[in-house]
């Protein structure tokens, strides 16, 4: 199962990197979001699937599950959503002001 997840994570990183290297601002934003999802899968895969009881006092279970990977993924999902939303708002505003989302035109290299 880990090999399938590793291949999927590599595939997501490849897609995200390809999209970040494109000229369209919207593709760059979606590429960063795909890379964020790949990181979430990486954290989930590295954390592994553990069986056991919840880490609560008063229970007589000898093995406990680790809640840290799930907490990290939940935090990463919220941060990824906020960053993607901010990027989309800034891209929309720059498109409304400048009239383009092409990165070559946004750099302003016409006079050089």
C-alpha atoms as a PDB file:
ATOM      1  CA  UNK A   1       0.000   0.000   0.000  1.00  0.00           C
ATOM      2  CA  UNK A   2       2.879   2.368   0.766  1.00  0.00           C
ATOM      3  CA  UNK A   3       4.322   1.917  -2.725  1.00  0.00           C
ATOM      4  CA  UNK A   4       1.012   2.859  -4.354  1.00  0.00           C
ATOM      5  CA  UNK A   5       0.747   5.937  -2.144  1.00  0.00           C
ATOM      6  CA  UNK A   6       4.370   6.864  -2.904  1.00  0.00           C
ATOM      7  CA  UNK A   7       3.698   6.669  -6.638  1.00  0.00           C
ATOM      8  CA  UNK A   8       0.524   8.751  -6.219  1.00  0.00           C
ATOM      9  CA  UNK A   9       2.402  11.358  -4.157  1.00  0.00           C
ATOM     10  CA  UNK A  10       5.133  11.532  -6.792  1.00  0.00           C
ATOM     11  CA  UNK A  11       2.497  11.901  -9.496  1.00  0.00           C
ATOM     12  CA  UNK A  12       0.843  14.789  -7.610  1.00  0.00           C
ATOM     13  CA  UNK A  13       4.202  16.500  -7.072  1.00  0.00           C
ATOM     14  CA  UNK A  14       4.959  16.101 -10.794  1.00  0.00           C
ATOM     15  CA  UNK A  15       1.614  17.590 -11.819  1.00  0.00           C
ATOM     16  CA  UNK A  16       1.956  20.431  -9.326  1.00  0.00           C
ATOM     17  CA  UNK A  17       5.482  21.274 -10.443  1.00  0.00           C
ATOM     18  CA  UNK A  18       4.423  21.226 -14.091  1.00  0.00           C
ATOM     19  CA  UNK A  19       1.541  23.577 -13.341  1.00  0.00           C
ATOM     20  CA  UNK A  20       3.701  25.951 -11.291  1.00  0.00           C
ATOM     21  CA  UNK A  21       6.157  26.258 -14.195  1.00  0.00           C
ATOM     22  CA  UNK A  22       3.432  27.334 -16.663  1.00  0.00           C
ATOM     23  CA  UNK A  23       2.729  30.899 -17.824  1.00  0.00           C
ATOM     24  CA  UNK A  24      -0.861  31.197 -16.625  1.00  0.00           C
ATOM     25  CA  UNK A  25      -1.373  32.611 -13.143  1.00  0.00           C
ATOM     26  CA  UNK A  26      -4.417  30.405 -12.534  1.00  0.00           C
ATOM     27  CA  UNK A  27      -2.417  27.265 -13.332  1.00  0.00           C
ATOM     28  CA  UNK A  28       0.301  28.378 -10.929  1.00  0.00           C
ATOM     29  CA  UNK A  29      -2.284  28.770  -8.155  1.00  0.00           C
ATOM     30  CA  UNK A  30      -3.829  25.364  -8.872  1.00  0.00           C
ATOM     31  CA  UNK A  31      -0.328  23.845  -8.975  1.00  0.00           C
ATOM     32  CA  UNK A  32       0.436  25.102  -5.481  1.00  0.00           C
ATOM     33  CA  UNK A  33      -2.858  23.616  -4.306  1.00  0.00           C
ATOM     34  CA  UNK A  34      -2.021  20.233  -5.870  1.00  0.00           C
ATOM     35  CA  UNK A  35       1.401  20.304  -4.195  1.00  0.00           C
ATOM     36  CA  UNK A  36      -0.352  21.028  -0.886  1.00  0.00           C
ATOM     37  CA  UNK A  37      -2.552  17.960  -1.359  1.00  0.00           C
ATOM     38  CA  UNK A  38       0.547  15.904  -2.159  1.00  0.00           C
ATOM     39  CA  UNK A  39       2.104  17.049   1.109  1.00  0.00           C
ATOM     40  CA  UNK A  40      -1.051  15.989   2.968  1.00  0.00           C
ATOM     41  CA  UNK A  41      -0.819  12.523   1.436  1.00  0.00           C
ATOM     42  CA  UNK A  42       2.879  12.394   2.298  1.00  0.00           C
ATOM     43  CA  UNK A  43       2.165  13.177   5.952  1.00  0.00           C
ATOM     44  CA  UNK A  44      -0.596  10.553   6.007  1.00  0.00           C
ATOM     45  CA  UNK A  45       1.665   7.919   4.445  1.00  0.00           C
ATOM     46  CA  UNK A  46       4.586   8.689   6.749  1.00  0.00           C
ATOM     47  CA  UNK A  47       2.300   8.547   9.790  1.00  0.00           C
ATOM     48  CA  UNK A  48       1.080   5.078   8.846  1.00  0.00           C
ATOM     49  CA  UNK A  49      -2.058   3.269   9.920  1.00  0.00           C
ATOM     50  CA  UNK A  50      -1.932   2.435  13.588  1.00  0.00           C
ATOM     51  CA  UNK A  51      -4.471   0.373  15.471  1.00  0.00           C
ATOM     52  CA  UNK A  52      -5.232   0.781  19.119  1.00  0.00           C
ATOM     53  CA  UNK A  53      -7.340   2.722  21.516  1.00  0.00           C
ATOM     54  CA  UNK A  54      -7.674   6.471  21.851  1.00  0.00           C
ATOM     55  CA  UNK A  55      -5.102   8.126  24.132  1.00  0.00           C
ATOM     56  CA  UNK A  56      -7.520   8.805  27.001  1.00  0.00           C
ATOM     57  CA  UNK A  57      -6.975   8.385  30.720  1.00  0.00           C
ATOM     58  CA  UNK A  58      -8.936   5.670  32.430  1.00  0.00           C
ATOM     59  CA  UNK A  59      -8.877   3.192  29.549  1.00  0.00           C
ATOM     60  CA  UNK A  60      -6.933  -0.018  30.024  1.00  0.00           C
ATOM     61  CA  UNK A  61      -5.697  -0.277  26.449  1.00  0.00           C
ATOM     62  CA  UNK A  62      -2.010  -1.056  26.065  1.00  0.00           C
ATOM     63  CA  UNK A  63      -1.571   0.402  22.568  1.00  0.00           C
ATOM     64  CA  UNK A  64      -2.576   3.880  21.586  1.00  0.00           C
ATOM     65  CA  UNK A  65      -3.015   5.587  18.245  1.00  0.00           C
ATOM     66  CA  UNK A  66      -1.022   8.685  17.457  1.00  0.00           C
ATOM     67  CA  UNK A  67      -3.227  11.672  16.703  1.00  0.00           C
ATOM     68  CA  UNK A  68      -0.369  13.905  15.543  1.00  0.00           C
ATOM     69  CA  UNK A  69      -0.497  13.041  11.793  1.00  0.00           C
ATOM     70  CA  UNK A  70      -4.228  13.708  11.671  1.00  0.00           C
ATOM     71  CA  UNK A  71      -3.794  17.024  13.493  1.00  0.00           C
ATOM     72  CA  UNK A  72      -1.000  18.060  11.124  1.00  0.00           C
ATOM     73  CA  UNK A  73      -3.087  17.160   8.078  1.00  0.00           C
ATOM     74  CA  UNK A  74      -6.118  19.055   9.387  1.00  0.00           C
ATOM     75  CA  UNK A  75      -3.964  22.116   9.995  1.00  0.00           C
ATOM     76  CA  UNK A  76      -2.357  21.789   6.544  1.00  0.00           C
ATOM     77  CA  UNK A  77      -5.778  21.536   4.865  1.00  0.00           C
ATOM     78  CA  UNK A  78      -6.968  24.742   6.532  1.00  0.00           C
ATOM     79  CA  UNK A  79      -3.752  26.606   5.666  1.00  0.00           C
ATOM     80  CA  UNK A  80      -3.834  25.311   2.063  1.00  0.00           C
ATOM     81  CA  UNK A  81      -7.448  26.466   1.677  1.00  0.00           C
ATOM     82  CA  UNK A  82      -6.657  29.920   3.064  1.00  0.00           C
ATOM     83  CA  UNK A  83      -3.563  30.373   0.888  1.00  0.00           C
ATOM     84  CA  UNK A  84      -5.420  29.204  -2.233  1.00  0.00           C
ATOM     85  CA  UNK A  85      -8.276  31.592  -1.483  1.00  0.00           C
ATOM     86  CA  UNK A  86      -5.863  34.486  -0.988  1.00  0.00           C
ATOM     87  CA  UNK A  87      -4.010  33.660  -4.225  1.00  0.00           C
ATOM     88  CA  UNK A  88      -7.296  33.495  -6.150  1.00  0.00           C
ATOM     89  CA  UNK A  89      -8.435  36.876  -4.836  1.00  0.00           C
ATOM     90  CA  UNK A  90      -5.087  38.495  -5.678  1.00  0.00           C
ATOM     91  CA  UNK A  91      -5.116  36.885  -9.147  1.00  0.00           C
ATOM     92  CA  UNK A  92      -8.671  38.085  -9.790  1.00  0.00           C
ATOM     93  CA  UNK A  93      -7.769  41.606  -8.717  1.00  0.00           C
ATOM     94  CA  UNK A  94      -4.626  41.662 -10.859  1.00  0.00           C
ATOM     95  CA  UNK A  95      -6.642  40.384 -13.830  1.00  0.00           C
ATOM     96  CA  UNK A  96      -9.246  43.110 -13.337  1.00  0.00           C
ATOM     97  CA  UNK A  97      -6.592  45.835 -13.082  1.00  0.00           C
ATOM     98  CA  UNK A  98      -4.069  44.639 -15.668  1.00  0.00           C
ATOM     99  CA  UNK A  99      -6.320  42.666 -18.019  1.00  0.00           C
ATOM    100  CA  UNK A 100      -4.106  39.584 -18.297  1.00  0.00           C
ATOM    101  CA  UNK A 101      -2.965  36.540 -16.368  1.00  0.00           C
ATOM    102  CA  UNK A 102       0.065  35.781 -18.549  1.00  0.00           C
ATOM    103  CA  UNK A 103       3.207  35.824 -16.403  1.00  0.00           C
ATOM    104  CA  UNK A 104       5.400  37.198 -19.213  1.00  0.00           C
ATOM    105  CA  UNK A 105       3.126  40.223 -19.575  1.00  0.00           C
ATOM    106  CA  UNK A 106       2.833  40.689 -15.808  1.00  0.00           C
ATOM    107  CA  UNK A 107       6.628  40.885 -15.486  1.00  0.00           C
ATOM    108  CA  UNK A 108       6.748  43.876 -17.829  1.00  0.00           C
ATOM    109  CA  UNK A 109       9.778  42.872 -19.918  1.00  0.00           C
ATOM    110  CA  UNK A 110       8.666  44.689 -23.076  1.00  0.00           C
ATOM    111  CA  UNK A 111      11.069  47.635 -22.612  1.00  0.00           C
ATOM    112  CA  UNK A 112      14.174  45.597 -21.838  1.00  0.00           C
END
